[in-house]
Amino acid sequence: MGYSVRRGFTNGSQNPAGSRRQAELQQRLAQMQADMDAAQKEVEAQEFRATSGGGAVEAVANGKRELVSLTVKPEVMDPDDPEMLQDLIVTAVNEALRQAAETMDKRMESASGSLNLGGLNLGGLGL
């Protein structure tokens, strides 16, 4: 930030080079947002499967972290041990949701990583 008797405090926006850097930053931010939106839609359309109990329970979640389906093999439905079935369901569902969250996080990180702020010399913008 600089000071001029005529203009008062400025952040370099009166400087053509500063304006170009600011425009470049805005373009990069817009591209990053578009990349992130595309990545989010891509992950949301995916399905994530997880099993527990050696495949006795299968949970399928989507990228929106919603449970899409749950399959339980009849042989694990023991009326004398409902806690075991509950544990298998919770384990499978949590794993499918974890996979969805991890994939979304990685894609968002990848999309936002395309913004290289180091090459912009932001010091000239007062940032």
C-alpha atoms as a PDB file:
ATOM      1  CA  MET A   1       0.000   0.000   0.000  1.00  0.00           C
ATOM      2  CA  GLY A   2       1.379   3.395  -0.909  1.00  0.00           C
ATOM      3  CA  TYR A   3       0.506   6.957  -0.044  1.00  0.00           C
ATOM      4  CA  SER A   4       0.240   9.915  -2.393  1.00  0.00           C
ATOM      5  CA  VAL A   5      -0.684  13.472  -1.448  1.00  0.00           C
ATOM      6  CA  ARG A   6      -3.033  13.617  -4.450  1.00  0.00           C
ATOM      7  CA  ARG A   7      -4.591  10.157  -4.230  1.00  0.00           C
ATOM      8  CA  GLY A   8      -4.233   9.255  -0.565  1.00  0.00           C
ATOM      9  CA  PHE A   9      -3.648   5.600   0.248  1.00  0.00           C
ATOM     10  CA  THR A  10      -3.628   3.214  -2.728  1.00  0.00           C
ATOM     11  CA  ASN A  11      -3.212  -0.502  -3.157  1.00  0.00           C
ATOM     12  CA  GLY A  12      -1.495  -0.308  -6.504  1.00  0.00           C
ATOM     13  CA  SER A  13      -4.710  -0.281  -8.531  1.00  0.00           C
ATOM     14  CA  GLN A  14      -3.609   2.973 -10.179  1.00  0.00           C
ATOM     15  CA  ASN A  15      -0.543   1.117 -11.390  1.00  0.00           C
ATOM     16  CA  PRO A  16      -1.174  -0.657 -14.739  1.00  0.00           C
ATOM     17  CA  ALA A  17       1.002  -3.592 -13.684  1.00  0.00           C
ATOM     18  CA  GLY A  18      -1.016  -3.921 -10.485  1.00  0.00           C
ATOM     19  CA  SER A  19      -4.251  -3.877 -12.463  1.00  0.00           C
ATOM     20  CA  ARG A  20      -2.962  -6.632 -14.751  1.00  0.00           C
ATOM     21  CA  ARG A  21      -1.964  -8.758 -11.788  1.00  0.00           C
ATOM     22  CA  GLN A  22      -5.361  -8.196 -10.226  1.00  0.00           C
ATOM     23  CA  ALA A  23      -7.116  -9.174 -13.477  1.00  0.00           C
ATOM     24  CA  GLU A  24      -4.912 -12.276 -13.750  1.00  0.00           C
ATOM     25  CA  LEU A  25      -5.766 -13.243 -10.185  1.00  0.00           C
ATOM     26  CA  GLN A  26      -9.477 -12.853 -10.909  1.00  0.00           C
ATOM     27  CA  GLN A  27      -9.159 -15.020 -14.023  1.00  0.00           C
ATOM     28  CA  ARG A  28      -7.321 -17.704 -12.098  1.00  0.00           C
ATOM     29  CA  LEU A  29      -9.875 -17.613  -9.309  1.00  0.00           C
ATOM     30  CA  ALA A  30     -12.722 -17.963 -11.815  1.00  0.00           C
ATOM     31  CA  GLN A  31     -10.963 -20.922 -13.462  1.00  0.00           C
ATOM     32  CA  MET A  32     -10.344 -22.536 -10.092  1.00  0.00           C
ATOM     33  CA  GLN A  33     -14.043 -22.143  -9.206  1.00  0.00           C
ATOM     34  CA  ALA A  34     -15.058 -23.719 -12.513  1.00  0.00           C
ATOM     35  CA  ASP A  35     -12.606 -26.593 -11.955  1.00  0.00           C
ATOM     36  CA  MET A  36     -13.930 -27.142  -8.439  1.00  0.00           C
ATOM     37  CA  ASP A  37     -17.561 -27.101  -9.618  1.00  0.00           C
ATOM     38  CA  ALA A  38     -16.777 -29.670 -12.320  1.00  0.00           C
ATOM     39  CA  ALA A  39     -14.863 -31.868  -9.879  1.00  0.00           C
ATOM     40  CA  GLN A  40     -17.713 -31.718  -7.357  1.00  0.00           C
ATOM     41  CA  LYS A  41     -20.288 -32.769  -9.945  1.00  0.00           C
ATOM     42  CA  GLU A  42     -18.033 -35.598 -11.108  1.00  0.00           C
ATOM     43  CA  VAL A  43     -17.570 -36.982  -7.589  1.00  0.00           C
ATOM     44  CA  GLU A  44     -21.257 -36.553  -6.703  1.00  0.00           C
ATOM     45  CA  ALA A  45     -22.165 -38.777  -9.666  1.00  0.00           C
ATOM     46  CA  GLN A  46     -19.880 -41.582  -8.493  1.00  0.00           C
ATOM     47  CA  GLU A  47     -20.856 -44.475  -6.243  1.00  0.00           C
ATOM     48  CA  PHE A  48     -18.696 -45.844  -3.447  1.00  0.00           C
ATOM     49  CA  ARG A  49     -19.081 -49.436  -2.270  1.00  0.00           C
ATOM     50  CA  ALA A  50     -17.947 -50.941   0.978  1.00  0.00           C
ATOM     51  CA  THR A  51     -18.514 -54.310   2.579  1.00  0.00           C
ATOM     52  CA  SER A  52     -18.155 -55.793   6.022  1.00  0.00           C
ATOM     53  CA  GLY A  53     -18.386 -59.276   7.452  1.00  0.00           C
ATOM     54  CA  GLY A  54     -16.601 -60.782   4.477  1.00  0.00           C
ATOM     55  CA  GLY A  55     -19.168 -59.366   2.080  1.00  0.00           C
ATOM     56  CA  ALA A  56     -22.197 -60.154   4.219  1.00  0.00           C
ATOM     57  CA  VAL A  57     -23.180 -56.484   4.249  1.00  0.00           C
ATOM     58  CA  GLU A  58     -22.665 -54.089   1.357  1.00  0.00           C
ATOM     59  CA  ALA A  59     -23.296 -50.345   1.530  1.00  0.00           C
ATOM     60  CA  VAL A  60     -23.323 -48.049  -1.489  1.00  0.00           C
ATOM     61  CA  ALA A  61     -23.053 -44.284  -1.057  1.00  0.00           C
ATOM     62  CA  ASN A  62     -22.857 -41.533  -3.643  1.00  0.00           C
ATOM     63  CA  GLY A  63     -20.493 -38.583  -3.770  1.00  0.00           C
ATOM     64  CA  LYS A  64     -23.092 -36.453  -2.026  1.00  0.00           C
ATOM     65  CA  ARG A  65     -22.478 -38.712   0.988  1.00  0.00           C
ATOM     66  CA  GLU A  66     -25.940 -40.207   0.808  1.00  0.00           C
ATOM     67  CA  LEU A  67     -26.599 -43.895   1.355  1.00  0.00           C
ATOM     68  CA  VAL A  68     -27.919 -45.246  -1.950  1.00  0.00           C
ATOM     69  CA  SER A  69     -28.376 -48.900  -1.092  1.00  0.00           C
ATOM     70  CA  LEU A  70     -27.755 -51.439   1.619  1.00  0.00           C
ATOM     71  CA  THR A  71     -27.615 -55.178   1.016  1.00  0.00           C
ATOM     72  CA  VAL A  72     -27.610 -57.717   3.825  1.00  0.00           C
ATOM     73  CA  LYS A  73     -27.202 -61.415   3.155  1.00  0.00           C
ATOM     74  CA  PRO A  74     -29.885 -63.456   4.953  1.00  0.00           C
ATOM     75  CA  GLU A  75     -27.360 -65.760   6.615  1.00  0.00           C
ATOM     76  CA  VAL A  76     -26.084 -62.922   8.848  1.00  0.00           C
ATOM     77  CA  MET A  77     -29.555 -62.094  10.173  1.00  0.00           C
ATOM     78  CA  ASP A  78     -29.344 -63.869  13.491  1.00  0.00           C
ATOM     79  CA  PRO A  79     -32.335 -62.915  15.676  1.00  0.00           C
ATOM     80  CA  ASP A  80     -30.291 -63.865  18.743  1.00  0.00           C
ATOM     81  CA  ASP A  81     -27.469 -61.443  17.841  1.00  0.00           C
ATOM     82  CA  PRO A  82     -28.877 -58.210  16.369  1.00  0.00           C
ATOM     83  CA  GLU A  83     -25.873 -56.247  17.631  1.00  0.00           C
ATOM     84  CA  MET A  84     -23.549 -58.098  15.251  1.00  0.00           C
ATOM     85  CA  LEU A  85     -25.704 -57.154  12.257  1.00  0.00           C
ATOM     86  CA  GLN A  86     -25.946 -53.570  13.449  1.00  0.00           C
ATOM     87  CA  ASP A  87     -22.159 -53.387  13.762  1.00  0.00           C
ATOM     88  CA  LEU A  88     -21.689 -54.795  10.263  1.00  0.00           C
ATOM     89  CA  ILE A  89     -24.125 -52.262   8.826  1.00  0.00           C
ATOM     90  CA  VAL A  90     -22.516 -49.332  10.617  1.00  0.00           C
ATOM     91  CA  THR A  91     -19.045 -50.444   9.507  1.00  0.00           C
ATOM     92  CA  ALA A  92     -20.018 -50.807   5.841  1.00  0.00           C
ATOM     93  CA  VAL A  93     -21.949 -47.527   5.737  1.00  0.00           C
ATOM     94  CA  ASN A  94     -19.193 -45.565   7.460  1.00  0.00           C
ATOM     95  CA  GLU A  95     -16.558 -46.959   5.087  1.00  0.00           C
ATOM     96  CA  ALA A  96     -18.593 -46.072   1.975  1.00  0.00           C
ATOM     97  CA  LEU A  97     -19.166 -42.551   3.306  1.00  0.00           C
ATOM     98  CA  ARG A  98     -15.466 -42.229   4.195  1.00  0.00           C
ATOM     99  CA  GLN A  99     -14.495 -43.207   0.645  1.00  0.00           C
ATOM    100  CA  ALA A 100     -16.876 -40.602  -0.783  1.00  0.00           C
ATOM    101  CA  ALA A 101     -15.550 -37.877   1.511  1.00  0.00           C
ATOM    102  CA  GLU A 102     -11.920 -38.753   0.818  1.00  0.00           C
ATOM    103  CA  THR A 103     -12.472 -38.730  -2.928  1.00  0.00           C
ATOM    104  CA  MET A 104     -14.241 -35.369  -2.762  1.00  0.00           C
ATOM    105  CA  ASP A 105     -11.461 -33.891  -0.620  1.00  0.00           C
ATOM    106  CA  LYS A 106      -8.765 -35.109  -3.020  1.00  0.00           C
ATOM    107  CA  ARG A 107     -10.602 -33.747  -6.070  1.00  0.00           C
ATOM    108  CA  MET A 108     -11.192 -30.372  -4.410  1.00  0.00           C
ATOM    109  CA  GLU A 109      -7.543 -30.180  -3.395  1.00  0.00           C
ATOM    110  CA  SER A 110      -6.503 -31.046  -6.930  1.00  0.00           C
ATOM    111  CA  ALA A 111      -8.844 -28.445  -8.441  1.00  0.00           C
ATOM    112  CA  SER A 112      -7.798 -25.697  -6.041  1.00  0.00           C
ATOM    113  CA  GLY A 113      -4.137 -26.606  -6.487  1.00  0.00           C
ATOM    114  CA  SER A 114      -4.352 -25.287 -10.032  1.00  0.00           C
ATOM    115  CA  LEU A 115      -4.273 -21.785  -8.590  1.00  0.00           C
ATOM    116  CA  ASN A 116      -0.598 -20.893  -8.377  1.00  0.00           C
ATOM    117  CA  LEU A 117      -0.491 -17.780  -6.262  1.00  0.00           C
ATOM    118  CA  GLY A 118       3.288 -17.809  -5.982  1.00  0.00           C
ATOM    119  CA  GLY A 119       3.812 -16.565  -9.528  1.00  0.00           C
ATOM    120  CA  LEU A 120       1.529 -13.571  -9.126  1.00  0.00           C
ATOM    121  CA  ASN A 121       3.811 -11.466  -6.932  1.00  0.00           C
ATOM    122  CA  LEU A 122       0.900 -10.500  -4.703  1.00  0.00           C
ATOM    123  CA  GLY A 123       3.074  -8.164  -2.706  1.00  0.00           C
ATOM    124  CA  GLY A 124       2.373  -5.513  -5.346  1.00  0.00           C
ATOM    125  CA  LEU A 125      -1.352  -5.859  -4.666  1.00  0.00           C
ATOM    126  CA  GLY A 126      -0.996  -5.107  -0.997  1.00  0.00           C
ATOM    127  CA  LEU A 127      -2.069  -8.654  -0.077  1.00  0.00           C
END
